[in-house]
Amino acid sequence: MTPEYIVVHTAAFNGNNCDRDMIDRWHKDRNWSGIGYHFVIINNKHNSKADGTVENGRPTNKTGAHALGLNSRSLGICCIGHGDINDFTPAQYESLYRLVGKLMSEFFIPVSKVIGHRELNILADNEIISSRYRTSKSCPGKKIDMDFIREQISSSVSHTDVESSQVTDETRLAMTNAIAVLQQYRAQFPNAQDELDEFIHHPEVIAMTQ
C-alpha cells in the first residue's frame, strides 16, 4: 500500500484504560483480522500508559480498516477518547503533530490530505471517492477542529525536520545497515516479521534513517 491520505479518528469511548489492545479486541469481535488503525494515541485516562503515548496498530505497509472507501489509500490514526465529548489532550495533540509530520515526510503526503474521518464526505462531494462511502459520523468528533490541526501540523513540520537533521551521518548509516541485515535474515524468523515491520516503519526509526 502506498498511502495518499492520513485520516484522524477518535475511539468514541469515554471510559478508562482504552488502548491499542482494547481496540484490537473490538475489531476482532467484528470478525476483522485485528485492529484497523495504524497508530493509536493514548489519552489521560489510562492507569499504566502515559498521556500521549503512541502505540502501533497495523504496519503502515498493510491496508487498514478505518475509513471505508479510502482504506487502500490512507493511514489511520486513532486518538483515544470521545471527540464529541472532550477535546484531545495537549499531550495527544503534541504526539499527533509529531507523528503526522513524520508520516507526511516518509510518504510525501501534503497537509491538505490530512483529514478527519468525517471529511470523507468532502472527498465524496469532489468525486474523489464514491458517494456510497459518505459517512454520518462526526469522527474525530465535534470538539475537534481539523483546520486548526492542519495549521498546527504545517507549523510543526519544520521542527520535525530539525530533529531529524540532528542525527549524524554515521548514526544514520549504522541504522540503515542494521535494518538491511534484519531484512536479509527476516525469513528465518517467520513469527517475528510483523514486529520487525512495525519497528522498521516506526516514525522514530524512519527519522533516524532518512
N, C-alpha and C. Protein backbone atom coordinates (compact mmCIF):
# COMPACT_ATOMS: atom_id res chain seq x y z
N MET A 1 0.84 -1.20 0.00
CA MET A 1 0.00 0.00 0.00
C MET A 1 0.87 1.25 0.00
N THR A 2 0.53 2.19 -0.86
CA THR A 2 1.18 3.50 -0.88
C THR A 2 0.16 4.54 -0.44
N PRO A 3 0.24 5.00 0.81
CA PRO A 3 -0.80 5.91 1.32
C PRO A 3 -0.72 7.30 0.69
N GLU A 4 -1.89 7.85 0.41
CA GLU A 4 -2.01 9.20 -0.11
C GLU A 4 -2.62 10.14 0.93
N TYR A 5 -3.30 9.59 1.91
CA TYR A 5 -4.00 10.38 2.92
C TYR A 5 -3.63 9.87 4.32
N ILE A 6 -3.80 10.74 5.30
CA ILE A 6 -3.74 10.38 6.72
C ILE A 6 -5.09 10.75 7.31
N VAL A 7 -5.76 9.79 7.94
CA VAL A 7 -7.10 10.02 8.47
C VAL A 7 -7.06 9.96 9.99
N VAL A 8 -7.55 11.02 10.61
CA VAL A 8 -7.57 11.13 12.08
C VAL A 8 -8.93 10.69 12.60
N HIS A 9 -8.90 9.87 13.65
CA HIS A 9 -10.12 9.31 14.25
C HIS A 9 -10.14 9.54 15.76
N THR A 10 -11.32 9.37 16.34
CA THR A 10 -11.47 9.22 17.78
C THR A 10 -11.96 7.81 18.06
N ALA A 11 -11.63 7.28 19.24
CA ALA A 11 -12.12 5.95 19.62
C ALA A 11 -13.60 5.98 19.97
N ALA A 12 -14.15 7.17 20.19
CA ALA A 12 -15.56 7.33 20.59
C ALA A 12 -15.88 6.51 21.83
N PHE A 13 -14.94 6.52 22.78
CA PHE A 13 -15.08 5.78 24.03
C PHE A 13 -14.58 6.68 25.16
N ASN A 14 -15.45 6.97 26.12
CA ASN A 14 -15.10 7.93 27.16
C ASN A 14 -14.65 7.27 28.46
N GLY A 15 -14.48 5.95 28.43
CA GLY A 15 -14.09 5.23 29.63
C GLY A 15 -12.59 5.23 29.86
N ASN A 16 -12.16 4.44 30.83
CA ASN A 16 -10.76 4.37 31.20
C ASN A 16 -10.03 3.21 30.51
N ASN A 17 -8.71 3.35 30.44
CA ASN A 17 -7.80 2.28 30.02
C ASN A 17 -8.04 1.77 28.61
N CYS A 18 -8.52 2.63 27.76
CA CYS A 18 -8.65 2.27 26.35
C CYS A 18 -7.28 2.40 25.68
N ASP A 19 -6.94 1.42 24.88
CA ASP A 19 -5.65 1.43 24.21
C ASP A 19 -5.69 0.55 22.98
N ARG A 20 -4.53 0.31 22.40
CA ARG A 20 -4.43 -0.49 21.19
C ARG A 20 -5.03 -1.88 21.37
N ASP A 21 -4.77 -2.51 22.52
CA ASP A 21 -5.25 -3.87 22.75
C ASP A 21 -6.76 -3.93 22.87
N MET A 22 -7.35 -2.93 23.53
CA MET A 22 -8.80 -2.91 23.64
C MET A 22 -9.45 -2.75 22.27
N ILE A 23 -8.92 -1.84 21.46
CA ILE A 23 -9.47 -1.64 20.12
C ILE A 23 -9.27 -2.88 19.27
N ASP A 24 -8.13 -3.55 19.43
CA ASP A 24 -7.88 -4.79 18.72
C ASP A 24 -8.97 -5.82 19.04
N ARG A 25 -9.36 -5.91 20.30
CA ARG A 25 -10.43 -6.85 20.68
C ARG A 25 -11.76 -6.43 20.06
N TRP A 26 -12.06 -5.13 20.09
CA TRP A 26 -13.30 -4.66 19.46
C TRP A 26 -13.36 -5.07 18.00
N HIS A 27 -12.27 -4.85 17.29
CA HIS A 27 -12.27 -5.11 15.86
C HIS A 27 -12.29 -6.60 15.55
N LYS A 28 -11.64 -7.41 16.39
CA LYS A 28 -11.72 -8.87 16.20
C LYS A 28 -13.13 -9.37 16.46
N ASP A 29 -13.84 -8.72 17.38
CA ASP A 29 -15.24 -9.09 17.65
C ASP A 29 -16.12 -8.83 16.43
N ARG A 30 -15.65 -7.97 15.53
CA ARG A 30 -16.37 -7.72 14.27
C ARG A 30 -15.92 -8.69 13.18
N ASN A 31 -15.10 -9.66 13.57
CA ASN A 31 -14.54 -10.65 12.64
C ASN A 31 -13.53 -10.03 11.69
N TRP A 32 -12.92 -8.92 12.11
CA TRP A 32 -11.78 -8.37 11.37
C TRP A 32 -10.53 -9.13 11.78
N SER A 33 -9.47 -9.01 11.02
CA SER A 33 -8.22 -9.70 11.35
C SER A 33 -7.54 -9.12 12.58
N GLY A 34 -7.90 -7.90 12.93
CA GLY A 34 -7.30 -7.22 14.08
C GLY A 34 -7.54 -5.73 13.96
N ILE A 35 -6.84 -4.96 14.77
CA ILE A 35 -7.04 -3.52 14.81
C ILE A 35 -6.94 -2.91 13.42
N GLY A 36 -7.88 -2.01 13.10
CA GLY A 36 -7.91 -1.42 11.78
C GLY A 36 -7.08 -0.17 11.62
N TYR A 37 -6.68 0.45 12.75
CA TYR A 37 -5.87 1.66 12.72
C TYR A 37 -4.39 1.31 12.63
N HIS A 38 -3.62 2.24 12.08
CA HIS A 38 -2.17 2.04 12.02
C HIS A 38 -1.46 2.55 13.28
N PHE A 39 -2.07 3.53 13.92
CA PHE A 39 -1.50 4.08 15.16
C PHE A 39 -2.62 4.45 16.12
N VAL A 40 -2.31 4.37 17.41
CA VAL A 40 -3.23 4.76 18.47
C VAL A 40 -2.48 5.71 19.41
N ILE A 41 -3.15 6.78 19.83
CA ILE A 41 -2.54 7.74 20.75
C ILE A 41 -3.35 7.76 22.04
N ILE A 42 -2.70 7.36 23.14
CA ILE A 42 -3.36 7.22 24.44
C ILE A 42 -3.72 8.59 25.03
N ASN A 43 -4.81 8.63 25.81
CA ASN A 43 -5.19 9.87 26.49
C ASN A 43 -4.83 9.79 27.98
N ASN A 44 -5.40 10.66 28.77
CA ASN A 44 -5.03 10.77 30.19
C ASN A 44 -5.92 9.92 31.10
N LYS A 45 -6.60 8.94 30.53
CA LYS A 45 -7.47 8.08 31.33
C LYS A 45 -6.96 6.64 31.40
N HIS A 46 -5.67 6.46 31.22
CA HIS A 46 -5.11 5.12 31.30
C HIS A 46 -4.29 4.99 32.58
N ASN A 47 -4.45 3.89 33.27
CA ASN A 47 -3.79 3.70 34.57
C ASN A 47 -2.31 3.39 34.46
N SER A 48 -1.87 2.84 33.31
CA SER A 48 -0.48 2.40 33.22
C SER A 48 0.27 2.94 32.01
N LYS A 49 -0.40 3.68 31.15
CA LYS A 49 0.25 4.23 29.97
C LYS A 49 0.13 5.74 29.98
N ALA A 50 1.22 6.40 29.66
CA ALA A 50 1.26 7.86 29.76
C ALA A 50 0.41 8.54 28.70
N ASP A 51 -0.18 9.63 29.08
CA ASP A 51 -0.92 10.50 28.17
C ASP A 51 -0.01 10.87 26.99
N GLY A 52 -0.50 10.65 25.77
CA GLY A 52 0.27 10.97 24.58
C GLY A 52 1.11 9.82 24.03
N THR A 53 1.10 8.68 24.71
CA THR A 53 1.84 7.52 24.22
C THR A 53 1.30 7.09 22.86
N VAL A 54 2.22 6.83 21.92
CA VAL A 54 1.85 6.36 20.58
C VAL A 54 2.06 4.85 20.52
N GLU A 55 1.00 4.13 20.17
CA GLU A 55 1.08 2.68 20.02
C GLU A 55 0.90 2.31 18.56
N ASN A 56 1.61 1.30 18.12
CA ASN A 56 1.49 0.82 16.75
C ASN A 56 0.30 -0.11 16.61
N GLY A 57 -0.45 0.07 15.52
CA GLY A 57 -1.53 -0.84 15.17
C GLY A 57 -1.07 -1.70 14.01
N ARG A 58 -1.76 -1.59 12.89
CA ARG A 58 -1.32 -2.33 11.70
C ARG A 58 -0.04 -1.69 11.15
N PRO A 59 0.85 -2.51 10.58
CA PRO A 59 2.03 -1.94 9.92
C PRO A 59 1.60 -1.00 8.80
N THR A 60 2.37 0.03 8.55
CA THR A 60 1.99 1.03 7.56
C THR A 60 2.01 0.49 6.13
N ASN A 61 2.61 -0.69 5.93
CA ASN A 61 2.60 -1.27 4.58
C ASN A 61 1.41 -2.19 4.36
N LYS A 62 0.49 -2.23 5.35
CA LYS A 62 -0.70 -3.06 5.23
C LYS A 62 -1.95 -2.19 5.21
N THR A 63 -2.90 -2.54 4.38
CA THR A 63 -4.14 -1.79 4.27
C THR A 63 -4.90 -1.83 5.59
N GLY A 64 -5.37 -0.67 6.02
CA GLY A 64 -6.11 -0.58 7.27
C GLY A 64 -7.59 -0.86 7.07
N ALA A 65 -8.33 -0.72 8.17
CA ALA A 65 -9.79 -0.85 8.15
C ALA A 65 -10.33 0.22 9.08
N HIS A 66 -10.41 1.44 8.55
CA HIS A 66 -10.76 2.58 9.41
C HIS A 66 -11.56 3.65 8.68
N ALA A 67 -11.50 3.66 7.35
CA ALA A 67 -12.19 4.70 6.57
C ALA A 67 -12.67 4.07 5.26
N LEU A 68 -13.86 3.49 5.30
CA LEU A 68 -14.40 2.77 4.16
C LEU A 68 -14.42 3.67 2.93
N GLY A 69 -13.84 3.16 1.86
CA GLY A 69 -13.73 3.93 0.63
C GLY A 69 -12.35 4.53 0.42
N LEU A 70 -11.56 4.58 1.51
CA LEU A 70 -10.23 5.18 1.43
C LEU A 70 -9.17 4.30 2.09
N ASN A 71 -9.57 3.13 2.54
CA ASN A 71 -8.64 2.28 3.29
C ASN A 71 -7.37 1.95 2.52
N SER A 72 -7.49 1.67 1.25
CA SER A 72 -6.33 1.24 0.46
C SER A 72 -5.41 2.41 0.10
N ARG A 73 -5.81 3.62 0.48
CA ARG A 73 -5.04 4.81 0.12
C ARG A 73 -4.71 5.68 1.32
N SER A 74 -4.85 5.13 2.53
CA SER A 74 -4.69 6.00 3.70
C SER A 74 -4.13 5.27 4.90
N LEU A 75 -3.56 6.06 5.81
CA LEU A 75 -3.14 5.59 7.12
C LEU A 75 -4.12 6.12 8.15
N GLY A 76 -4.47 5.31 9.13
CA GLY A 76 -5.43 5.71 10.14
C GLY A 76 -4.79 5.90 11.50
N ILE A 77 -5.07 7.05 12.13
CA ILE A 77 -4.57 7.34 13.48
C ILE A 77 -5.78 7.55 14.39
N CYS A 78 -5.85 6.78 15.46
CA CYS A 78 -6.97 6.89 16.40
C CYS A 78 -6.50 7.51 17.69
N CYS A 79 -7.09 8.64 18.05
CA CYS A 79 -6.82 9.27 19.34
C CYS A 79 -7.87 8.78 20.34
N ILE A 80 -7.39 8.15 21.42
CA ILE A 80 -8.30 7.61 22.43
C ILE A 80 -9.11 8.74 23.06
N GLY A 81 -10.35 8.42 23.40
CA GLY A 81 -11.26 9.39 23.98
C GLY A 81 -12.52 9.48 23.12
N HIS A 82 -13.34 10.46 23.40
CA HIS A 82 -14.58 10.66 22.65
C HIS A 82 -14.62 12.12 22.20
N GLY A 83 -14.32 12.34 20.94
CA GLY A 83 -14.19 13.69 20.41
C GLY A 83 -15.48 14.48 20.37
N ASP A 84 -16.62 13.82 20.57
CA ASP A 84 -17.87 14.57 20.68
C ASP A 84 -18.07 15.13 22.09
N ILE A 85 -17.32 14.57 23.05
CA ILE A 85 -17.48 14.95 24.46
C ILE A 85 -16.32 15.81 24.95
N ASN A 86 -15.10 15.41 24.62
CA ASN A 86 -13.91 16.13 25.07
C ASN A 86 -12.93 16.32 23.93
N ASP A 87 -12.21 17.42 23.97
CA ASP A 87 -11.12 17.65 23.03
C ASP A 87 -9.99 16.67 23.34
N PHE A 88 -9.10 16.46 22.38
CA PHE A 88 -7.90 15.68 22.66
C PHE A 88 -7.08 16.40 23.73
N THR A 89 -6.28 15.65 24.48
CA THR A 89 -5.43 16.27 25.49
C THR A 89 -4.25 16.97 24.83
N PRO A 90 -3.63 17.94 25.52
CA PRO A 90 -2.44 18.58 24.95
C PRO A 90 -1.35 17.58 24.58
N ALA A 91 -1.17 16.54 25.40
CA ALA A 91 -0.16 15.54 25.09
C ALA A 91 -0.53 14.75 23.84
N GLN A 92 -1.81 14.46 23.66
CA GLN A 92 -2.24 13.78 22.44
C GLN A 92 -1.98 14.64 21.22
N TYR A 93 -2.28 15.93 21.33
CA TYR A 93 -2.03 16.82 20.20
C TYR A 93 -0.54 16.86 19.86
N GLU A 94 0.29 16.95 20.87
CA GLU A 94 1.73 17.01 20.62
C GLU A 94 2.21 15.75 19.89
N SER A 95 1.74 14.59 20.34
CA SER A 95 2.12 13.34 19.69
C SER A 95 1.53 13.25 18.28
N LEU A 96 0.31 13.72 18.13
CA LEU A 96 -0.34 13.67 16.82
C LEU A 96 0.42 14.52 15.81
N TYR A 97 0.79 15.74 16.19
CA TYR A 97 1.51 16.62 15.27
C TYR A 97 2.85 16.00 14.87
N ARG A 98 3.54 15.45 15.86
CA ARG A 98 4.86 14.87 15.59
C ARG A 98 4.73 13.63 14.69
N LEU A 99 3.78 12.77 14.99
CA LEU A 99 3.58 11.55 14.20
C LEU A 99 3.16 11.87 12.79
N VAL A 100 2.17 12.75 12.63
CA VAL A 100 1.69 13.09 11.29
C VAL A 100 2.80 13.75 10.47
N GLY A 101 3.59 14.62 11.11
CA GLY A 101 4.69 15.25 10.38
C GLY A 101 5.67 14.24 9.83
N LYS A 102 5.98 13.23 10.61
CA LYS A 102 6.92 12.20 10.16
C LYS A 102 6.31 11.34 9.05
N LEU A 103 5.03 11.01 9.18
CA LEU A 103 4.37 10.22 8.13
C LEU A 103 4.26 11.02 6.83
N MET A 104 3.98 12.31 6.95
CA MET A 104 3.95 13.16 5.76
C MET A 104 5.28 13.16 5.05
N SER A 105 6.36 13.24 5.82
CA SER A 105 7.70 13.24 5.24
C SER A 105 8.04 11.90 4.60
N GLU A 106 7.70 10.82 5.28
CA GLU A 106 8.04 9.49 4.78
C GLU A 106 7.30 9.17 3.49
N PHE A 107 6.01 9.52 3.44
CA PHE A 107 5.18 9.10 2.31
C PHE A 107 4.83 10.25 1.36
N PHE A 108 5.44 11.41 1.57
CA PHE A 108 5.24 12.56 0.69
C PHE A 108 3.75 12.94 0.61
N ILE A 109 3.13 13.02 1.77
CA ILE A 109 1.71 13.37 1.85
C ILE A 109 1.58 14.84 2.22
N PRO A 110 0.88 15.64 1.44
CA PRO A 110 0.71 17.06 1.78
C PRO A 110 -0.27 17.23 2.93
N VAL A 111 -0.17 18.34 3.64
CA VAL A 111 -1.03 18.56 4.79
C VAL A 111 -2.49 18.66 4.37
N SER A 112 -2.75 19.03 3.14
CA SER A 112 -4.14 19.10 2.66
C SER A 112 -4.81 17.73 2.62
N LYS A 113 -3.99 16.67 2.66
CA LYS A 113 -4.54 15.31 2.65
C LYS A 113 -4.47 14.66 4.04
N VAL A 114 -4.33 15.50 5.06
CA VAL A 114 -4.51 15.06 6.44
C VAL A 114 -5.94 15.44 6.81
N ILE A 115 -6.79 14.46 6.98
CA ILE A 115 -8.22 14.73 7.13
C ILE A 115 -8.80 14.01 8.34
N GLY A 116 -9.94 14.51 8.80
CA GLY A 116 -10.72 13.79 9.79
C GLY A 116 -11.64 12.82 9.09
N HIS A 117 -12.05 11.78 9.78
CA HIS A 117 -12.90 10.76 9.17
C HIS A 117 -14.14 11.36 8.52
N ARG A 118 -14.74 12.34 9.19
CA ARG A 118 -15.96 12.96 8.66
C ARG A 118 -15.74 13.65 7.32
N GLU A 119 -14.47 14.01 7.05
CA GLU A 119 -14.17 14.74 5.82
C GLU A 119 -14.12 13.84 4.59
N LEU A 120 -14.39 12.55 4.79
CA LEU A 120 -14.60 11.69 3.62
C LEU A 120 -15.76 12.23 2.79
N ASN A 121 -16.70 12.92 3.45
CA ASN A 121 -17.83 13.49 2.73
C ASN A 121 -17.38 14.56 1.73
N ILE A 122 -16.32 15.29 2.07
CA ILE A 122 -15.78 16.28 1.13
C ILE A 122 -15.19 15.57 -0.08
N LEU A 123 -14.51 14.45 0.17
CA LEU A 123 -13.94 13.68 -0.94
C LEU A 123 -15.06 13.13 -1.83
N ALA A 124 -16.16 12.72 -1.20
CA ALA A 124 -17.30 12.23 -1.98
C ALA A 124 -17.92 13.36 -2.80
N ASP A 125 -18.04 14.55 -2.19
CA ASP A 125 -18.59 15.70 -2.91
C ASP A 125 -17.73 16.04 -4.12
N ASN A 126 -16.42 15.85 -4.00
CA ASN A 126 -15.49 16.17 -5.09
C ASN A 126 -15.24 14.98 -6.01
N GLU A 127 -16.01 13.89 -5.79
CA GLU A 127 -15.93 12.68 -6.62
C GLU A 127 -14.55 12.03 -6.59
N ILE A 128 -13.84 12.21 -5.46
CA ILE A 128 -12.56 11.53 -5.26
C ILE A 128 -12.83 10.09 -4.81
N ILE A 129 -13.89 9.91 -4.02
CA ILE A 129 -14.38 8.58 -3.69
C ILE A 129 -15.86 8.52 -4.04
N SER A 130 -16.38 7.33 -4.12
CA SER A 130 -17.79 7.17 -4.47
C SER A 130 -18.70 7.75 -3.39
N SER A 131 -19.84 8.25 -3.80
CA SER A 131 -20.80 8.83 -2.85
C SER A 131 -21.34 7.78 -1.87
N ARG A 132 -21.22 6.51 -2.22
CA ARG A 132 -21.70 5.47 -1.31
C ARG A 132 -20.85 5.36 -0.04
N TYR A 133 -19.69 6.03 -0.06
CA TYR A 133 -18.81 5.99 1.11
C TYR A 133 -18.97 7.22 2.00
N ARG A 134 -20.02 8.00 1.76
CA ARG A 134 -20.31 9.10 2.66
C ARG A 134 -20.57 8.56 4.06
N THR A 135 -20.25 9.35 5.07
CA THR A 135 -20.43 8.91 6.45
C THR A 135 -21.30 9.88 7.23
N SER A 136 -22.06 9.35 8.16
CA SER A 136 -22.86 10.18 9.05
C SER A 136 -22.12 10.47 10.35
N LYS A 137 -20.90 9.93 10.49
CA LYS A 137 -20.13 10.10 11.72
C LYS A 137 -19.55 11.50 11.84
N SER A 138 -19.41 11.98 13.06
CA SER A 138 -18.76 13.27 13.31
C SER A 138 -17.27 13.08 13.56
N CYS A 139 -16.81 11.86 13.56
CA CYS A 139 -15.42 11.48 13.84
C CYS A 139 -14.42 12.35 13.06
N PRO A 140 -13.41 12.88 13.72
CA PRO A 140 -12.92 12.58 15.06
C PRO A 140 -13.62 13.31 16.19
N GLY A 141 -14.76 13.90 15.92
CA GLY A 141 -15.55 14.48 17.00
C GLY A 141 -15.88 15.94 16.81
N LYS A 142 -17.00 16.35 17.40
CA LYS A 142 -17.46 17.73 17.28
C LYS A 142 -16.52 18.71 17.97
N LYS A 143 -15.74 18.22 18.93
CA LYS A 143 -14.81 19.09 19.64
C LYS A 143 -13.49 19.28 18.88
N ILE A 144 -13.32 18.55 17.79
CA ILE A 144 -12.04 18.52 17.09
C ILE A 144 -12.11 19.37 15.83
N ASP A 145 -11.23 20.37 15.74
CA ASP A 145 -11.17 21.30 14.61
C ASP A 145 -10.05 20.87 13.68
N MET A 146 -10.40 20.26 12.56
CA MET A 146 -9.38 19.74 11.64
C MET A 146 -8.60 20.86 10.95
N ASP A 147 -9.22 22.00 10.71
CA ASP A 147 -8.48 23.12 10.12
C ASP A 147 -7.37 23.58 11.07
N PHE A 148 -7.69 23.64 12.36
CA PHE A 148 -6.69 24.02 13.36
C PHE A 148 -5.56 22.98 13.40
N ILE A 149 -5.92 21.71 13.34
CA ILE A 149 -4.91 20.65 13.35
C ILE A 149 -3.98 20.79 12.15
N ARG A 150 -4.55 21.03 10.98
CA ARG A 150 -3.70 21.18 9.79
C ARG A 150 -2.77 22.39 9.91
N GLU A 151 -3.28 23.47 10.48
CA GLU A 151 -2.43 24.65 10.68
C GLU A 151 -1.27 24.34 11.61
N GLN A 152 -1.55 23.63 12.69
CA GLN A 152 -0.51 23.30 13.66
C GLN A 152 0.51 22.33 13.07
N ILE A 153 0.04 21.39 12.28
CA ILE A 153 0.95 20.44 11.64
C ILE A 153 1.86 21.16 10.67
N SER A 154 1.29 22.08 9.91
CA SER A 154 2.09 22.83 8.95
C SER A 154 3.23 23.57 9.64
N SER A 155 2.94 24.14 10.80
CA SER A 155 3.96 24.90 11.51
C SER A 155 4.95 24.00 12.24
N SER A 156 4.55 22.74 12.51
CA SER A 156 5.43 21.84 13.26
C SER A 156 6.32 20.99 12.36
N VAL A 157 6.00 20.91 11.07
CA VAL A 157 6.79 20.07 10.16
C VAL A 157 8.24 20.51 10.14
N SER A 158 8.49 21.81 10.15
CA SER A 158 9.86 22.30 10.11
C SER A 158 10.63 21.87 11.34
N HIS A 159 9.95 21.80 12.51
CA HIS A 159 10.61 21.36 13.74
C HIS A 159 10.97 19.89 13.66
N THR A 160 10.11 19.09 13.04
CA THR A 160 10.41 17.67 12.85
C THR A 160 11.64 17.50 11.99
N ASP A 161 11.74 18.33 10.93
CA ASP A 161 12.90 18.25 10.05
C ASP A 161 14.18 18.59 10.80
N VAL A 162 14.11 19.57 11.72
CA VAL A 162 15.28 19.94 12.50
C VAL A 162 15.71 18.78 13.38
N GLU A 163 14.75 18.10 14.04
CA GLU A 163 15.09 16.97 14.89
C GLU A 163 15.77 15.88 14.08
N SER A 164 15.25 15.59 12.89
CA SER A 164 15.83 14.55 12.05
C SER A 164 17.23 14.91 11.61
N SER A 165 17.47 16.20 11.33
CA SER A 165 18.77 16.62 10.83
C SER A 165 19.85 16.54 11.89
N GLN A 166 19.45 16.44 13.17
CA GLN A 166 20.42 16.35 14.23
C GLN A 166 21.05 14.97 14.35
N VAL A 167 20.51 13.98 13.65
CA VAL A 167 21.11 12.64 13.63
C VAL A 167 22.33 12.69 12.73
N THR A 168 23.47 12.21 13.22
CA THR A 168 24.70 12.28 12.44
C THR A 168 24.64 11.30 11.27
N ASP A 169 25.44 11.58 10.25
CA ASP A 169 25.51 10.68 9.09
C ASP A 169 25.99 9.29 9.50
N GLU A 170 26.91 9.25 10.47
CA GLU A 170 27.44 7.97 10.93
C GLU A 170 26.33 7.13 11.58
N THR A 171 25.51 7.78 12.42
CA THR A 171 24.41 7.06 13.06
C THR A 171 23.38 6.61 12.05
N ARG A 172 23.07 7.48 11.11
CA ARG A 172 22.08 7.15 10.08
C ARG A 172 22.55 5.94 9.25
N LEU A 173 23.85 5.92 8.89
CA LEU A 173 24.39 4.82 8.12
C LEU A 173 24.35 3.53 8.92
N ALA A 174 24.71 3.60 10.22
CA ALA A 174 24.70 2.41 11.07
C ALA A 174 23.30 1.83 11.19
N MET A 175 22.30 2.70 11.37
CA MET A 175 20.92 2.24 11.47
C MET A 175 20.45 1.61 10.16
N THR A 176 20.79 2.25 9.05
CA THR A 176 20.39 1.72 7.74
C THR A 176 21.00 0.35 7.51
N ASN A 177 22.27 0.19 7.87
CA ASN A 177 22.95 -1.10 7.69
C ASN A 177 22.34 -2.17 8.60
N ALA A 178 22.00 -1.78 9.83
CA ALA A 178 21.41 -2.74 10.77
C ALA A 178 20.06 -3.24 10.25
N ILE A 179 19.26 -2.32 9.74
CA ILE A 179 17.95 -2.70 9.20
C ILE A 179 18.12 -3.60 7.98
N ALA A 180 19.12 -3.32 7.16
CA ALA A 180 19.38 -4.16 5.99
C ALA A 180 19.72 -5.60 6.40
N VAL A 181 20.48 -5.75 7.48
CA VAL A 181 20.81 -7.08 7.98
C VAL A 181 19.56 -7.79 8.47
N LEU A 182 18.73 -7.07 9.22
CA LEU A 182 17.48 -7.66 9.71
C LEU A 182 16.59 -8.11 8.56
N GLN A 183 16.51 -7.29 7.53
CA GLN A 183 15.71 -7.64 6.37
C GLN A 183 16.27 -8.86 5.66
N GLN A 184 17.60 -8.96 5.61
CA GLN A 184 18.25 -10.07 4.92
C GLN A 184 17.90 -11.41 5.56
N TYR A 185 17.76 -11.41 6.89
CA TYR A 185 17.54 -12.66 7.62
C TYR A 185 16.10 -12.81 8.11
N ARG A 186 15.18 -11.97 7.64
CA ARG A 186 13.81 -11.99 8.15
C ARG A 186 13.12 -13.32 7.92
N ALA A 187 13.47 -14.02 6.84
CA ALA A 187 12.81 -15.29 6.53
C ALA A 187 13.08 -16.35 7.60
N GLN A 188 14.16 -16.18 8.36
CA GLN A 188 14.49 -17.14 9.40
C GLN A 188 13.66 -16.95 10.66
N PHE A 189 12.89 -15.87 10.71
CA PHE A 189 12.09 -15.57 11.89
C PHE A 189 10.64 -15.28 11.48
N PRO A 190 9.94 -16.28 10.95
CA PRO A 190 8.59 -16.04 10.41
C PRO A 190 7.60 -15.49 11.45
N ASN A 191 7.79 -15.85 12.71
CA ASN A 191 6.85 -15.40 13.74
C ASN A 191 7.14 -14.00 14.25
N ALA A 192 8.20 -13.39 13.78
CA ALA A 192 8.58 -12.05 14.24
C ALA A 192 8.51 -11.01 13.12
N GLN A 193 8.01 -11.40 11.96
CA GLN A 193 8.06 -10.49 10.81
C GLN A 193 7.14 -9.28 10.99
N ASP A 194 5.97 -9.48 11.58
CA ASP A 194 5.09 -8.33 11.80
C ASP A 194 5.73 -7.33 12.75
N GLU A 195 6.36 -7.84 13.81
CA GLU A 195 7.03 -6.96 14.76
C GLU A 195 8.20 -6.24 14.11
N LEU A 196 8.91 -6.94 13.22
CA LEU A 196 10.02 -6.31 12.50
C LEU A 196 9.51 -5.18 11.62
N ASP A 197 8.40 -5.42 10.92
CA ASP A 197 7.83 -4.37 10.07
C ASP A 197 7.39 -3.17 10.90
N GLU A 198 6.81 -3.43 12.08
CA GLU A 198 6.38 -2.33 12.94
C GLU A 198 7.59 -1.50 13.37
N PHE A 199 8.69 -2.19 13.70
CA PHE A 199 9.90 -1.47 14.10
C PHE A 199 10.46 -0.64 12.96
N ILE A 200 10.60 -1.25 11.79
CA ILE A 200 11.20 -0.58 10.65
C ILE A 200 10.38 0.64 10.24
N HIS A 201 9.06 0.54 10.38
CA HIS A 201 8.19 1.64 9.95
C HIS A 201 7.79 2.57 11.09
N HIS A 202 8.42 2.40 12.26
CA HIS A 202 8.13 3.31 13.36
C HIS A 202 8.68 4.70 13.02
N PRO A 203 7.93 5.76 13.30
CA PRO A 203 8.37 7.12 12.94
C PRO A 203 9.75 7.49 13.46
N GLU A 204 10.10 7.06 14.68
CA GLU A 204 11.42 7.41 15.21
C GLU A 204 12.55 6.72 14.45
N VAL A 205 12.30 5.48 14.02
CA VAL A 205 13.30 4.75 13.23
C VAL A 205 13.44 5.39 11.85
N ILE A 206 12.32 5.75 11.27
CA ILE A 206 12.33 6.40 9.96
C ILE A 206 13.11 7.72 10.03
N ALA A 207 12.89 8.48 11.11
CA ALA A 207 13.57 9.77 11.25
C ALA A 207 15.08 9.59 11.34
N MET A 208 15.52 8.46 11.86
CA MET A 208 16.96 8.23 12.01
C MET A 208 17.62 7.66 10.76
N THR A 209 16.81 7.26 9.80
CA THR A 209 17.39 6.61 8.61
C THR A 209 17.17 7.41 7.35
N GLN A 210 16.53 8.57 7.46
CA GLN A 210 16.30 9.40 6.27
C GLN A 210 17.37 10.48 6.16
